[in-house]
């Protein structure tokens, strides 16, 4: 895969995150819906097990909810792309690196 395809894919993912995320359903997700239906959602209100950077997929400090959601989608997409690109580069280098006998890890 060449860099042009990667850039096009990233731009497409960013466009989807920025322009479609504000249109997402405001209904609760599956787990939250079950907790609501079974009557124990109140037990989790205000309790954070893990401190989230962007709770509820909204960038904090921005009053306009659509803009805050778009910004959270943009940043989240770039973070995921960056992490996975880094993992891919590490794995690619590892595969190309010769072992102690001078052979590549890759088996052809």
N, C-alpha and C. Protein backbone atom coordinates (compact mmCIF):
# COMPACT_ATOMS: atom_id res chain seq x y z
N UNK A 1 0.86 -1.18 0.00
CA UNK A 1 0.00 0.00 0.00
C UNK A 1 0.90 1.23 0.00
N UNK A 2 0.62 2.14 -0.90
CA UNK A 2 1.48 3.33 -0.96
C UNK A 2 0.93 4.46 -0.10
N UNK A 3 1.76 5.49 0.06
CA UNK A 3 1.40 6.60 0.96
C UNK A 3 0.15 7.34 0.50
N UNK A 4 -0.08 7.38 -0.81
CA UNK A 4 -1.25 8.08 -1.32
C UNK A 4 -2.53 7.41 -0.80
N UNK A 5 -2.57 6.08 -0.82
CA UNK A 5 -3.74 5.36 -0.31
C UNK A 5 -3.93 5.59 1.19
N UNK A 6 -2.84 5.64 1.92
CA UNK A 6 -2.92 5.86 3.37
C UNK A 6 -3.48 7.25 3.65
N UNK A 7 -2.99 8.25 2.93
CA UNK A 7 -3.47 9.63 3.13
C UNK A 7 -4.95 9.74 2.77
N UNK A 8 -5.35 9.12 1.67
CA UNK A 8 -6.76 9.16 1.27
C UNK A 8 -7.63 8.48 2.33
N UNK A 9 -7.18 7.35 2.84
CA UNK A 9 -7.92 6.65 3.90
C UNK A 9 -8.03 7.48 5.16
N UNK A 10 -6.92 8.13 5.54
CA UNK A 10 -6.95 8.98 6.74
C UNK A 10 -7.90 10.16 6.54
N UNK A 11 -7.84 10.80 5.38
CA UNK A 11 -8.74 11.93 5.12
C UNK A 11 -10.20 11.50 5.13
N UNK A 12 -10.48 10.33 4.59
CA UNK A 12 -11.84 9.81 4.60
C UNK A 12 -12.31 9.53 6.04
N UNK A 13 -11.45 8.92 6.83
CA UNK A 13 -11.79 8.63 8.23
C UNK A 13 -12.02 9.92 9.01
N UNK A 14 -11.16 10.92 8.80
CA UNK A 14 -11.32 12.21 9.49
C UNK A 14 -12.62 12.89 9.05
N UNK A 15 -12.92 12.85 7.76
CA UNK A 15 -14.16 13.47 7.28
C UNK A 15 -15.38 12.82 7.90
N UNK A 16 -15.36 11.49 7.99
CA UNK A 16 -16.49 10.78 8.60
C UNK A 16 -16.60 11.16 10.08
N UNK A 17 -15.47 11.19 10.78
CA UNK A 17 -15.48 11.53 12.21
C UNK A 17 -15.97 12.95 12.45
N UNK A 18 -15.54 13.87 11.62
CA UNK A 18 -15.88 15.29 11.83
C UNK A 18 -17.32 15.60 11.42
N UNK A 19 -17.73 15.08 10.26
CA UNK A 19 -19.03 15.50 9.73
C UNK A 19 -20.19 14.59 10.14
N UNK A 20 -19.92 13.33 10.45
CA UNK A 20 -21.02 12.43 10.79
C UNK A 20 -21.18 12.19 12.29
N UNK A 21 -20.13 12.41 13.06
CA UNK A 21 -20.25 12.16 14.50
C UNK A 21 -21.31 13.02 15.19
N UNK A 22 -21.51 14.28 14.80
CA UNK A 22 -22.58 15.05 15.45
C UNK A 22 -23.98 14.50 15.14
N UNK A 23 -24.09 13.65 14.12
CA UNK A 23 -25.39 13.09 13.74
C UNK A 23 -25.67 11.76 14.42
N UNK A 24 -24.75 11.28 15.26
CA UNK A 24 -24.93 10.00 15.94
C UNK A 24 -26.15 10.04 16.85
N UNK A 25 -26.71 8.89 17.07
CA UNK A 25 -27.91 8.78 17.90
C UNK A 25 -27.62 9.19 19.34
N UNK A 26 -28.49 9.98 19.93
CA UNK A 26 -28.30 10.36 21.34
C UNK A 26 -28.77 9.26 22.30
N UNK A 27 -29.36 8.19 21.76
CA UNK A 27 -29.83 7.09 22.60
C UNK A 27 -28.65 6.39 23.26
N UNK A 28 -28.87 5.79 24.42
CA UNK A 28 -27.78 5.10 25.10
C UNK A 28 -27.30 3.88 24.31
N UNK A 29 -26.01 3.53 24.49
CA UNK A 29 -25.49 2.34 23.84
C UNK A 29 -26.05 1.09 24.52
N UNK A 30 -25.68 -0.07 24.04
CA UNK A 30 -26.26 -1.32 24.53
C UNK A 30 -26.13 -1.54 26.02
N UNK A 31 -24.91 -1.39 26.54
CA UNK A 31 -24.68 -1.64 27.96
C UNK A 31 -25.42 -0.61 28.83
N UNK A 32 -25.39 0.63 28.41
CA UNK A 32 -26.09 1.67 29.17
C UNK A 32 -27.61 1.44 29.13
N UNK A 33 -28.09 0.98 27.99
CA UNK A 33 -29.53 0.71 27.85
C UNK A 33 -29.97 -0.43 28.77
N UNK A 34 -29.16 -1.48 28.86
CA UNK A 34 -29.48 -2.60 29.75
C UNK A 34 -29.52 -2.12 31.20
N UNK A 35 -28.52 -1.32 31.59
CA UNK A 35 -28.48 -0.80 32.95
C UNK A 35 -29.71 0.07 33.23
N UNK A 36 -30.13 0.82 32.22
CA UNK A 36 -31.32 1.67 32.36
C UNK A 36 -32.58 0.80 32.49
N UNK A 37 -32.70 -0.21 31.62
CA UNK A 37 -33.87 -1.08 31.64
C UNK A 37 -33.98 -1.91 32.92
N UNK A 38 -32.83 -2.34 33.45
CA UNK A 38 -32.82 -3.18 34.65
C UNK A 38 -32.83 -2.35 35.94
N UNK A 39 -32.73 -1.03 35.81
CA UNK A 39 -32.88 -0.15 36.95
C UNK A 39 -31.65 0.07 37.82
N UNK A 40 -30.45 -0.18 37.29
CA UNK A 40 -29.26 0.07 38.10
C UNK A 40 -28.32 1.10 37.49
N UNK A 41 -28.79 1.86 36.52
CA UNK A 41 -27.97 2.91 35.91
C UNK A 41 -27.56 3.96 36.93
N UNK A 42 -28.44 4.27 37.86
CA UNK A 42 -28.15 5.29 38.87
C UNK A 42 -26.91 4.95 39.71
N UNK A 43 -26.57 3.68 39.81
CA UNK A 43 -25.39 3.28 40.59
C UNK A 43 -24.08 3.73 39.95
N UNK A 44 -24.11 3.96 38.64
CA UNK A 44 -22.90 4.35 37.93
C UNK A 44 -22.81 5.86 37.69
N UNK A 45 -23.87 6.58 37.96
CA UNK A 45 -23.87 8.02 37.73
C UNK A 45 -22.81 8.71 38.57
N UNK A 46 -21.92 9.45 37.93
CA UNK A 46 -20.89 10.20 38.63
C UNK A 46 -19.70 9.37 39.08
N UNK A 47 -19.68 8.08 38.75
CA UNK A 47 -18.58 7.21 39.14
C UNK A 47 -17.72 6.93 37.91
N UNK A 48 -16.45 7.31 37.99
CA UNK A 48 -15.53 7.06 36.89
C UNK A 48 -14.50 6.03 37.31
N UNK A 49 -14.44 4.92 36.58
CA UNK A 49 -13.41 3.92 36.85
C UNK A 49 -12.09 4.36 36.23
N UNK A 50 -12.19 4.97 35.06
CA UNK A 50 -11.02 5.45 34.33
C UNK A 50 -11.31 6.89 33.93
N UNK A 51 -10.36 7.78 34.17
CA UNK A 51 -10.52 9.18 33.78
C UNK A 51 -10.45 9.30 32.26
N UNK A 52 -11.53 9.74 31.65
CA UNK A 52 -11.60 9.85 30.20
C UNK A 52 -11.15 11.23 29.75
N UNK A 53 -10.42 11.27 28.62
CA UNK A 53 -9.98 12.56 28.06
C UNK A 53 -11.17 13.31 27.48
N UNK A 54 -12.05 12.58 26.82
CA UNK A 54 -13.21 13.18 26.18
C UNK A 54 -14.45 12.38 26.57
N UNK A 55 -14.96 12.60 27.78
CA UNK A 55 -16.12 11.81 28.22
C UNK A 55 -17.33 12.04 27.33
N UNK A 56 -18.07 10.95 27.09
CA UNK A 56 -19.26 10.99 26.24
C UNK A 56 -18.97 11.49 24.83
N UNK A 57 -17.74 11.28 24.35
CA UNK A 57 -17.33 11.64 22.98
C UNK A 57 -17.52 13.13 22.70
N UNK A 58 -17.28 13.95 23.70
CA UNK A 58 -17.40 15.40 23.57
C UNK A 58 -16.11 16.03 24.09
N UNK A 59 -15.51 16.92 23.30
CA UNK A 59 -14.30 17.60 23.73
C UNK A 59 -14.67 18.61 24.82
N UNK A 60 -14.03 18.53 25.97
CA UNK A 60 -14.40 19.40 27.09
C UNK A 60 -14.06 20.87 26.83
N UNK A 61 -14.86 21.75 27.40
CA UNK A 61 -14.59 23.18 27.34
C UNK A 61 -15.19 23.89 26.14
N UNK A 62 -15.91 23.18 25.29
CA UNK A 62 -16.52 23.80 24.11
C UNK A 62 -18.04 23.75 24.30
N UNK A 63 -18.67 24.91 24.28
CA UNK A 63 -20.10 25.01 24.56
C UNK A 63 -20.96 24.40 23.46
N UNK A 64 -20.56 24.57 22.21
CA UNK A 64 -21.33 24.03 21.09
C UNK A 64 -21.12 22.52 21.03
N UNK A 65 -22.18 21.74 21.32
CA UNK A 65 -22.05 20.28 21.43
C UNK A 65 -21.66 19.63 20.10
N UNK A 66 -22.19 20.12 18.99
CA UNK A 66 -21.84 19.55 17.68
C UNK A 66 -20.35 19.76 17.38
N UNK A 67 -19.86 20.96 17.66
CA UNK A 67 -18.44 21.25 17.45
C UNK A 67 -17.56 20.43 18.39
N UNK A 68 -17.99 20.29 19.64
CA UNK A 68 -17.23 19.51 20.62
C UNK A 68 -17.17 18.04 20.22
N UNK A 69 -18.27 17.51 19.66
CA UNK A 69 -18.31 16.13 19.20
C UNK A 69 -17.43 15.95 17.96
N UNK A 70 -17.48 16.90 17.04
CA UNK A 70 -16.64 16.84 15.84
C UNK A 70 -15.16 16.88 16.21
N UNK A 71 -14.80 17.75 17.13
CA UNK A 71 -13.42 17.86 17.55
C UNK A 71 -12.95 16.58 18.25
N UNK A 72 -13.81 15.99 19.06
CA UNK A 72 -13.47 14.72 19.71
C UNK A 72 -13.27 13.63 18.67
N UNK A 73 -14.11 13.59 17.65
CA UNK A 73 -13.95 12.61 16.57
C UNK A 73 -12.67 12.82 15.79
N UNK A 74 -12.33 14.07 15.52
CA UNK A 74 -11.10 14.41 14.80
C UNK A 74 -9.88 13.97 15.60
N UNK A 75 -9.82 14.35 16.85
CA UNK A 75 -8.67 14.01 17.69
C UNK A 75 -8.59 12.49 17.91
N UNK A 76 -9.72 11.87 18.15
CA UNK A 76 -9.73 10.42 18.34
C UNK A 76 -9.25 9.67 17.11
N UNK A 77 -9.67 10.12 15.94
CA UNK A 77 -9.24 9.48 14.69
C UNK A 77 -7.73 9.63 14.51
N UNK A 78 -7.20 10.81 14.76
CA UNK A 78 -5.75 11.03 14.63
C UNK A 78 -4.96 10.21 15.65
N UNK A 79 -5.48 10.11 16.87
CA UNK A 79 -4.80 9.31 17.90
C UNK A 79 -4.75 7.83 17.52
N UNK A 80 -5.88 7.30 17.07
CA UNK A 80 -5.92 5.89 16.67
C UNK A 80 -5.00 5.66 15.47
N UNK A 81 -5.04 6.55 14.50
CA UNK A 81 -4.16 6.43 13.33
C UNK A 81 -2.69 6.46 13.76
N UNK A 82 -2.35 7.38 14.64
CA UNK A 82 -0.96 7.50 15.09
C UNK A 82 -0.48 6.26 15.83
N UNK A 83 -1.31 5.75 16.74
CA UNK A 83 -0.93 4.56 17.51
C UNK A 83 -0.78 3.35 16.58
N UNK A 84 -1.75 3.15 15.70
CA UNK A 84 -1.69 1.99 14.81
C UNK A 84 -0.56 2.13 13.78
N UNK A 85 -0.26 3.34 13.35
CA UNK A 85 0.88 3.54 12.44
C UNK A 85 2.17 3.18 13.16
N UNK A 86 2.30 3.60 14.40
CA UNK A 86 3.48 3.27 15.19
C UNK A 86 3.64 1.77 15.39
N UNK A 87 2.54 1.09 15.71
CA UNK A 87 2.58 -0.37 15.87
C UNK A 87 2.96 -1.03 14.55
N UNK A 88 2.39 -0.55 13.47
CA UNK A 88 2.71 -1.10 12.15
C UNK A 88 4.18 -0.93 11.80
N UNK A 89 4.74 0.24 12.09
CA UNK A 89 6.16 0.48 11.81
C UNK A 89 7.05 -0.43 12.65
N UNK A 90 6.70 -0.59 13.90
CA UNK A 90 7.49 -1.47 14.78
C UNK A 90 7.45 -2.91 14.26
N UNK A 91 6.26 -3.37 13.89
CA UNK A 91 6.14 -4.74 13.39
C UNK A 91 6.86 -4.91 12.06
N UNK A 92 6.80 -3.90 11.20
CA UNK A 92 7.48 -3.99 9.91
C UNK A 92 8.99 -4.03 10.09
N UNK A 93 9.52 -3.23 10.99
CA UNK A 93 10.96 -3.24 11.26
C UNK A 93 11.39 -4.57 11.86
N UNK A 94 10.57 -5.09 12.75
CA UNK A 94 10.88 -6.36 13.39
C UNK A 94 10.91 -7.49 12.36
N UNK A 95 10.00 -7.44 11.41
CA UNK A 95 9.93 -8.46 10.38
C UNK A 95 11.13 -8.40 9.44
N UNK A 96 11.64 -7.20 9.18
CA UNK A 96 12.77 -7.02 8.27
C UNK A 96 14.12 -7.25 8.95
N UNK A 97 14.17 -7.13 10.27
CA UNK A 97 15.44 -7.23 10.99
C UNK A 97 15.99 -8.65 10.91
N UNK A 98 17.29 -8.78 10.63
CA UNK A 98 17.90 -10.11 10.58
C UNK A 98 18.07 -10.68 11.99
N UNK A 99 17.98 -12.00 12.10
CA UNK A 99 18.22 -12.63 13.40
C UNK A 99 19.72 -12.83 13.59
N UNK A 100 20.12 -13.53 14.62
CA UNK A 100 21.54 -13.69 14.94
C UNK A 100 22.30 -14.46 13.87
N UNK A 101 21.59 -15.20 13.02
CA UNK A 101 22.24 -15.95 11.93
C UNK A 101 22.23 -15.18 10.62
N UNK A 102 21.76 -13.92 10.66
CA UNK A 102 21.77 -13.09 9.47
C UNK A 102 20.57 -13.31 8.57
N UNK A 103 19.57 -14.05 9.03
CA UNK A 103 18.37 -14.28 8.23
C UNK A 103 17.23 -13.36 8.71
N UNK A 104 16.39 -12.98 7.78
CA UNK A 104 15.23 -12.16 8.11
C UNK A 104 14.22 -13.00 8.86
N UNK A 105 13.43 -12.34 9.73
CA UNK A 105 12.38 -13.03 10.45
C UNK A 105 11.28 -13.49 9.50
N UNK A 106 11.18 -12.84 8.38
CA UNK A 106 10.12 -13.15 7.43
C UNK A 106 10.45 -14.43 6.69
N UNK A 107 9.52 -15.34 6.67
CA UNK A 107 9.69 -16.61 5.96
C UNK A 107 8.99 -16.52 4.62
N UNK A 108 9.70 -16.72 3.53
CA UNK A 108 9.09 -16.68 2.18
C UNK A 108 8.84 -18.07 1.68
